[in-house]
């Protein structure tokens, strides 16, 4: 039976229930779950897999293992990954500076004309930061 016919039977059952007509003996929910009073093994496997995944998710969310791993890797110890990235960051910082020259300063100051600007630049500065000879005491 096609999906449309099953949906039609479910809505027909709802109409019969609302208007007080006699019950025809088919269960609408059972029609959506199974075909001809058989529970499909595929559908049962999907439901069981979903319940298993939900249970595993609840169990893993109640254990603070993620916080432990984060705190373990964030400590700055000699030789740790976070110490390496702190000592020499992999990000290069570029700063661009634009300078503008006023070509008509007398007319701008005396007559109030609009300034004519000439762009000079950009001047690009690269900032590389790194720390060396760093020693971490036990505190």
N, C-alpha and C. Protein backbone atom coordinates (compact mmCIF):
# COMPACT_ATOMS: atom_id res chain seq x y z
N UNK A 1 0.85 -1.17 0.00
CA UNK A 1 0.00 0.00 0.00
C UNK A 1 0.90 1.24 0.00
N UNK A 2 0.60 2.18 -0.87
CA UNK A 2 1.42 3.37 -0.99
C UNK A 2 1.28 4.29 0.22
N UNK A 3 2.22 5.20 0.31
CA UNK A 3 2.25 6.13 1.44
C UNK A 3 1.02 7.03 1.42
N UNK A 4 0.57 7.45 0.24
CA UNK A 4 -0.59 8.30 0.14
C UNK A 4 -1.83 7.59 0.66
N UNK A 5 -1.98 6.29 0.30
CA UNK A 5 -3.15 5.53 0.76
C UNK A 5 -3.12 5.34 2.27
N UNK A 6 -1.92 5.12 2.82
CA UNK A 6 -1.82 4.99 4.28
C UNK A 6 -2.21 6.30 4.95
N UNK A 7 -1.72 7.42 4.42
CA UNK A 7 -2.06 8.72 4.99
C UNK A 7 -3.56 8.96 4.88
N UNK A 8 -4.14 8.56 3.75
CA UNK A 8 -5.58 8.74 3.56
C UNK A 8 -6.36 7.92 4.59
N UNK A 9 -5.89 6.68 4.89
CA UNK A 9 -6.56 5.86 5.88
C UNK A 9 -6.45 6.47 7.27
N UNK A 10 -5.30 7.07 7.59
CA UNK A 10 -5.13 7.71 8.89
C UNK A 10 -6.07 8.90 9.03
N UNK A 11 -6.15 9.73 7.99
CA UNK A 11 -7.04 10.89 8.08
C UNK A 11 -8.49 10.46 8.06
N UNK A 12 -8.82 9.41 7.35
CA UNK A 12 -10.20 8.91 7.34
C UNK A 12 -10.57 8.41 8.73
N UNK A 13 -9.63 7.74 9.40
CA UNK A 13 -9.87 7.26 10.76
C UNK A 13 -10.12 8.43 11.71
N UNK A 14 -9.34 9.52 11.53
CA UNK A 14 -9.51 10.70 12.38
C UNK A 14 -10.88 11.34 12.14
N UNK A 15 -11.30 11.41 10.88
CA UNK A 15 -12.61 11.97 10.57
C UNK A 15 -13.73 11.12 11.17
N UNK A 16 -13.58 9.80 11.06
CA UNK A 16 -14.60 8.91 11.64
C UNK A 16 -14.68 9.08 13.15
N UNK A 17 -13.56 9.26 13.78
CA UNK A 17 -13.52 9.42 15.23
C UNK A 17 -14.18 10.75 15.64
N UNK A 18 -13.94 11.81 14.87
CA UNK A 18 -14.50 13.12 15.20
C UNK A 18 -16.01 13.13 14.98
N UNK A 19 -16.47 12.59 13.87
CA UNK A 19 -17.88 12.66 13.53
C UNK A 19 -18.70 11.49 14.07
N UNK A 20 -18.07 10.62 14.85
CA UNK A 20 -18.79 9.56 15.54
C UNK A 20 -19.15 8.37 14.68
N UNK A 21 -18.46 8.17 13.57
CA UNK A 21 -18.75 7.00 12.75
C UNK A 21 -18.10 5.78 13.36
N UNK A 22 -18.51 4.61 12.88
CA UNK A 22 -18.04 3.35 13.44
C UNK A 22 -16.58 3.11 13.11
N UNK A 23 -15.87 2.51 14.07
CA UNK A 23 -14.45 2.22 13.97
C UNK A 23 -14.25 1.02 13.06
N UNK A 24 -13.32 1.11 12.09
CA UNK A 24 -13.15 0.04 11.10
C UNK A 24 -12.12 -1.01 11.50
N UNK A 25 -11.46 -0.89 12.65
CA UNK A 25 -10.57 -1.92 13.15
C UNK A 25 -9.11 -1.76 12.82
N UNK A 26 -8.73 -0.77 12.04
CA UNK A 26 -7.32 -0.57 11.73
C UNK A 26 -6.75 0.51 12.65
N UNK A 27 -5.52 0.33 13.02
CA UNK A 27 -4.87 1.28 13.91
C UNK A 27 -4.00 2.22 13.07
N UNK A 28 -4.23 3.50 13.11
CA UNK A 28 -3.48 4.42 12.25
C UNK A 28 -1.99 4.45 12.58
N UNK A 29 -1.62 4.42 13.85
CA UNK A 29 -0.21 4.46 14.21
C UNK A 29 0.51 3.20 13.75
N UNK A 30 -0.16 2.09 13.85
CA UNK A 30 0.43 0.83 13.42
C UNK A 30 0.62 0.83 11.89
N UNK A 31 -0.27 1.50 11.17
CA UNK A 31 -0.12 1.57 9.73
C UNK A 31 1.12 2.36 9.35
N UNK A 32 1.45 3.40 10.14
CA UNK A 32 2.63 4.19 9.81
C UNK A 32 3.92 3.46 10.16
N UNK A 33 3.91 2.64 11.20
CA UNK A 33 5.09 1.93 11.65
C UNK A 33 5.35 0.68 10.83
N UNK A 34 4.35 -0.10 10.56
CA UNK A 34 4.55 -1.37 9.89
C UNK A 34 3.58 -1.52 8.73
N UNK A 35 3.88 -2.50 7.91
CA UNK A 35 3.00 -2.82 6.79
C UNK A 35 2.33 -4.16 7.06
N UNK A 36 1.04 -4.17 7.03
CA UNK A 36 0.23 -5.38 7.18
C UNK A 36 0.60 -6.15 8.45
N UNK A 37 0.57 -5.48 9.57
CA UNK A 37 0.79 -6.05 10.90
C UNK A 37 2.16 -6.70 11.08
N UNK A 38 3.15 -6.34 10.29
CA UNK A 38 4.52 -6.83 10.46
C UNK A 38 5.41 -5.65 10.80
N UNK A 39 6.26 -5.82 11.79
CA UNK A 39 7.23 -4.79 12.13
C UNK A 39 8.49 -5.04 11.31
N UNK A 40 8.87 -4.08 10.53
CA UNK A 40 10.02 -4.23 9.64
C UNK A 40 11.32 -4.28 10.45
N UNK A 41 12.23 -5.16 10.05
CA UNK A 41 13.51 -5.29 10.74
C UNK A 41 14.37 -4.04 10.54
N UNK A 42 14.26 -3.41 9.38
CA UNK A 42 15.03 -2.20 9.12
C UNK A 42 14.59 -1.08 10.06
N UNK A 43 13.29 -0.93 10.22
CA UNK A 43 12.79 0.14 11.10
C UNK A 43 13.15 -0.14 12.55
N UNK A 44 13.09 -1.40 12.94
CA UNK A 44 13.46 -1.77 14.30
C UNK A 44 14.96 -1.50 14.54
N UNK A 45 15.78 -1.79 13.55
CA UNK A 45 17.22 -1.55 13.68
C UNK A 45 17.51 -0.06 13.79
N UNK A 46 16.81 0.77 13.04
CA UNK A 46 17.01 2.21 13.10
C UNK A 46 16.59 2.75 14.46
N UNK A 47 15.48 2.29 14.99
CA UNK A 47 15.01 2.74 16.30
C UNK A 47 16.00 2.32 17.39
N UNK A 48 16.47 1.07 17.34
CA UNK A 48 17.42 0.60 18.34
C UNK A 48 18.75 1.34 18.24
N UNK A 49 19.21 1.62 17.02
CA UNK A 49 20.44 2.39 16.84
C UNK A 49 20.29 3.81 17.40
N UNK A 50 19.14 4.41 17.19
CA UNK A 50 18.88 5.75 17.73
C UNK A 50 18.88 5.75 19.24
N UNK A 51 18.23 4.76 19.85
CA UNK A 51 18.22 4.68 21.31
C UNK A 51 19.62 4.43 21.87
N UNK A 52 20.39 3.59 21.20
CA UNK A 52 21.75 3.31 21.63
C UNK A 52 22.62 4.58 21.55
N UNK A 53 22.49 5.32 20.45
CA UNK A 53 23.24 6.56 20.29
C UNK A 53 22.85 7.58 21.34
N UNK A 54 21.57 7.67 21.65
CA UNK A 54 21.10 8.59 22.69
C UNK A 54 21.68 8.21 24.04
N UNK A 55 21.69 6.93 24.37
CA UNK A 55 22.23 6.48 25.66
C UNK A 55 23.73 6.76 25.76
N UNK A 56 24.48 6.51 24.69
CA UNK A 56 25.91 6.78 24.69
C UNK A 56 26.17 8.29 24.85
N UNK A 57 25.37 9.11 24.18
CA UNK A 57 25.52 10.56 24.30
C UNK A 57 25.27 11.05 25.71
N UNK A 58 24.26 10.51 26.37
CA UNK A 58 23.96 10.91 27.75
C UNK A 58 25.08 10.48 28.68
N UNK A 59 25.59 9.28 28.49
CA UNK A 59 26.68 8.79 29.36
C UNK A 59 27.94 9.62 29.16
N UNK A 60 28.31 9.89 27.91
CA UNK A 60 29.54 10.66 27.65
C UNK A 60 29.43 12.12 28.09
N UNK A 61 28.23 12.68 28.04
CA UNK A 61 28.08 14.07 28.48
C UNK A 61 28.13 14.21 29.99
N UNK A 62 27.89 13.13 30.71
CA UNK A 62 27.93 13.21 32.17
C UNK A 62 29.34 13.02 32.73
N UNK A 63 30.29 12.57 31.91
CA UNK A 63 31.67 12.37 32.35
C UNK A 63 32.48 13.60 31.94
N UNK A 64 33.22 14.22 32.85
CA UNK A 64 33.95 15.45 32.51
C UNK A 64 35.29 15.19 31.82
N UNK A 65 35.35 14.28 30.88
CA UNK A 65 36.59 13.94 30.21
C UNK A 65 37.05 15.05 29.28
N UNK A 66 36.12 15.78 28.67
CA UNK A 66 36.51 16.85 27.76
C UNK A 66 37.17 17.99 28.52
N UNK A 67 36.64 18.35 29.69
CA UNK A 67 37.27 19.38 30.50
C UNK A 67 38.67 18.98 30.93
N UNK A 68 38.84 17.72 31.28
CA UNK A 68 40.15 17.23 31.68
C UNK A 68 41.16 17.35 30.54
N UNK A 69 40.77 16.95 29.33
CA UNK A 69 41.68 17.03 28.19
C UNK A 69 42.03 18.48 27.84
N UNK A 70 41.06 19.37 27.93
CA UNK A 70 41.32 20.78 27.62
C UNK A 70 42.29 21.37 28.63
N UNK A 71 42.04 21.15 29.91
CA UNK A 71 42.91 21.71 30.93
C UNK A 71 44.31 21.11 30.88
N UNK A 72 44.41 19.84 30.51
CA UNK A 72 45.72 19.20 30.40
C UNK A 72 46.54 19.81 29.28
N UNK A 73 45.91 20.12 28.16
CA UNK A 73 46.63 20.65 27.02
C UNK A 73 46.85 22.16 27.08
N UNK A 74 46.13 22.88 27.94
CA UNK A 74 46.29 24.32 28.02
C UNK A 74 47.40 24.76 28.97
N UNK A 75 47.90 23.90 29.79
CA UNK A 75 48.96 24.28 30.73
C UNK A 75 50.24 24.57 29.97
N UNK A 76 50.94 25.63 30.41
CA UNK A 76 52.20 26.02 29.78
C UNK A 76 53.36 25.32 30.48
N UNK A 77 53.73 24.19 29.97
CA UNK A 77 54.88 23.45 30.46
C UNK A 77 55.92 23.42 29.37
N UNK A 78 57.16 23.24 29.77
CA UNK A 78 58.21 23.10 28.75
C UNK A 78 57.95 21.85 27.91
N UNK A 79 57.92 22.04 26.62
CA UNK A 79 57.71 20.91 25.72
C UNK A 79 56.26 20.62 25.38
N UNK A 80 55.30 21.30 26.00
CA UNK A 80 53.90 21.05 25.67
C UNK A 80 53.52 21.76 24.37
N UNK A 81 52.44 21.34 23.78
CA UNK A 81 52.00 21.93 22.51
C UNK A 81 51.60 23.38 22.70
N UNK A 82 50.89 23.67 23.79
CA UNK A 82 50.47 25.05 24.02
C UNK A 82 51.67 25.96 24.28
N UNK A 83 52.70 25.46 24.95
CA UNK A 83 53.91 26.25 25.18
C UNK A 83 54.59 26.56 23.86
N UNK A 84 54.64 25.60 22.95
CA UNK A 84 55.26 25.80 21.64
C UNK A 84 54.52 26.89 20.86
N UNK A 85 53.19 26.84 20.84
CA UNK A 85 52.41 27.84 20.11
C UNK A 85 52.45 29.20 20.80
N UNK A 86 52.62 29.22 22.12
CA UNK A 86 52.73 30.49 22.83
C UNK A 86 54.10 31.11 22.57
N UNK A 87 55.14 30.28 22.52
CA UNK A 87 56.50 30.76 22.35
C UNK A 87 56.70 31.35 20.95
N UNK A 88 56.18 30.69 19.95
CA UNK A 88 56.32 31.18 18.58
C UNK A 88 54.97 31.01 17.87
N UNK A 89 54.13 32.05 17.92
CA UNK A 89 52.81 31.94 17.28
C UNK A 89 52.94 31.79 15.77
N UNK A 90 52.05 31.05 15.19
CA UNK A 90 52.08 30.82 13.75
C UNK A 90 51.40 31.91 12.95
N UNK A 91 50.83 32.92 13.62
CA UNK A 91 50.10 33.98 12.94
C UNK A 91 51.04 35.16 12.72
N UNK A 92 51.13 35.64 11.49
CA UNK A 92 51.92 36.81 11.16
C UNK A 92 50.97 38.00 11.11
N UNK A 93 51.28 39.02 11.89
CA UNK A 93 50.42 40.19 11.95
C UNK A 93 50.92 41.23 10.98
N UNK A 94 50.08 41.64 10.04
CA UNK A 94 50.42 42.68 9.07
C UNK A 94 49.59 43.92 9.38
N UNK A 95 50.27 45.07 9.41
CA UNK A 95 49.59 46.33 9.66
C UNK A 95 49.83 47.22 8.45
N UNK A 96 48.75 47.72 7.85
CA UNK A 96 48.84 48.62 6.70
C UNK A 96 48.49 50.03 7.16
N UNK A 97 49.35 50.97 6.82
CA UNK A 97 49.14 52.37 7.19
C UNK A 97 49.07 53.19 5.91
N UNK A 98 48.01 53.98 5.79
CA UNK A 98 47.85 54.88 4.66
C UNK A 98 48.05 56.31 5.16
N UNK A 99 48.85 57.09 4.46
CA UNK A 99 49.08 58.49 4.80
C UNK A 99 48.58 59.33 3.63
N UNK A 100 47.89 60.42 3.97
CA UNK A 100 47.34 61.30 2.95
C UNK A 100 48.02 62.67 3.05
N UNK A 101 48.41 63.21 1.92
CA UNK A 101 49.06 64.50 1.84
C UNK A 101 48.06 65.52 1.30
N UNK A 102 47.93 66.67 1.97
CA UNK A 102 47.04 67.73 1.51
C UNK A 102 47.81 68.57 0.49
N UNK A 103 47.33 68.62 -0.78
CA UNK A 103 48.06 69.31 -1.85
C UNK A 103 47.71 70.79 -1.93
N UNK A 104 46.61 71.21 -1.34
CA UNK A 104 46.23 72.63 -1.37
C UNK A 104 46.02 73.16 0.06
N UNK A 105 47.06 73.22 0.88
CA UNK A 105 46.84 73.63 2.26
C UNK A 105 46.47 75.11 2.40
N UNK A 106 47.00 76.01 1.51
CA UNK A 106 46.69 77.44 1.63
C UNK A 106 45.23 77.72 1.33
N UNK A 107 44.73 77.14 0.24
CA UNK A 107 43.31 77.34 -0.12
C UNK A 107 42.38 76.69 0.90
N UNK A 108 42.80 75.57 1.43
CA UNK A 108 41.97 74.87 2.43
C UNK A 108 41.87 75.69 3.72
N UNK A 109 43.00 76.23 4.18
CA UNK A 109 42.99 76.98 5.44
C UNK A 109 42.45 78.40 5.28
N UNK A 110 42.77 79.06 4.17
CA UNK A 110 42.39 80.46 3.99
C UNK A 110 40.98 80.60 3.45
N UNK A 111 40.63 79.87 2.37
CA UNK A 111 39.35 80.07 1.70
C UNK A 111 38.29 79.06 2.12
N UNK A 112 38.69 78.00 2.78
CA UNK A 112 37.73 76.98 3.19
C UNK A 112 37.36 76.02 2.08
N UNK A 113 38.21 75.90 1.06
CA UNK A 113 37.95 74.95 -0.02
C UNK A 113 38.07 73.52 0.51
N UNK A 114 37.54 72.60 -0.31
CA UNK A 114 37.71 71.19 0.04
C UNK A 114 39.17 70.81 -0.13
N UNK A 115 39.69 70.01 0.79
CA UNK A 115 41.10 69.63 0.65
C UNK A 115 41.28 68.62 -0.48
N UNK A 116 42.38 68.77 -1.20
CA UNK A 116 42.74 67.79 -2.22
C UNK A 116 43.79 66.89 -1.59
N UNK A 117 43.46 65.61 -1.55
CA UNK A 117 44.32 64.65 -0.86
C UNK A 117 45.03 63.76 -1.87
N UNK A 118 46.28 63.51 -1.57
CA UNK A 118 47.07 62.58 -2.37
C UNK A 118 47.45 61.42 -1.45
N UNK A 119 47.11 60.22 -1.87
CA UNK A 119 47.38 59.04 -1.05
C UNK A 119 48.84 58.63 -1.18
N UNK A 120 49.48 58.46 -0.03
CA UNK A 120 50.86 57.98 0.01
C UNK A 120 50.83 56.67 0.78
N UNK A 121 51.29 55.66 0.18
CA UNK A 121 51.28 54.37 0.87
C UNK A 121 50.55 53.34 0.06
N UNK A 122 50.25 52.24 0.57
CA UNK A 122 50.28 51.84 1.97
C UNK A 122 51.68 51.42 2.42
N UNK A 123 51.94 51.69 3.66
CA UNK A 123 53.15 51.19 4.32
C UNK A 123 52.74 49.95 5.09
N UNK A 124 53.40 48.85 4.81
CA UNK A 124 53.03 47.58 5.43
C UNK A 124 54.12 47.19 6.42
N UNK A 125 53.67 46.91 7.65
CA UNK A 125 54.58 46.47 8.69
C UNK A 125 54.21 45.06 9.09
N UNK A 126 55.22 44.22 9.19
CA UNK A 126 55.00 42.84 9.63
C UNK A 126 55.54 42.71 11.05
N UNK A 127 54.68 42.23 11.94
CA UNK A 127 55.07 42.08 13.34
C UNK A 127 55.17 40.59 13.64
N UNK A 128 56.37 40.16 14.01
CA UNK A 128 56.60 38.77 14.37
C UNK A 128 56.99 38.74 15.84
N UNK A 129 56.24 38.01 16.62
CA UNK A 129 56.55 37.94 18.05
C UNK A 129 56.98 36.52 18.40
N UNK A 130 57.99 36.43 19.22
CA UNK A 130 58.42 35.14 19.74
C UNK A 130 59.15 35.39 21.04
N UNK A 131 59.09 34.41 21.90
CA UNK A 131 59.72 34.47 23.21
C UNK A 131 60.87 33.46 23.22
N UNK A 132 61.99 33.83 23.78
CA UNK A 132 63.12 32.91 23.85
C UNK A 132 63.74 33.03 25.24
N UNK A 133 64.48 31.99 25.59
CA UNK A 133 65.10 31.86 26.91
C UNK A 133 64.07 31.96 28.03
N UNK A 134 62.93 31.37 27.80
CA UNK A 134 61.86 31.41 28.81
C UNK A 134 62.03 30.19 29.72
N UNK A 135 61.93 30.43 31.01
CA UNK A 135 61.98 29.34 31.99
C UNK A 135 60.75 29.44 32.86
N UNK A 136 60.09 28.33 33.03
CA UNK A 136 58.87 28.28 33.82
C UNK A 136 59.23 27.65 35.16
N UNK A 137 58.93 28.38 36.22
CA UNK A 137 59.16 27.80 37.54
C UNK A 137 57.95 26.96 37.94
N UNK A 138 58.03 26.30 39.05
CA UNK A 138 57.00 25.35 39.46
C UNK A 138 55.72 25.97 39.99
N UNK A 139 55.64 27.28 40.08
CA UNK A 139 54.46 27.93 40.66
C UNK A 139 53.39 28.12 39.64
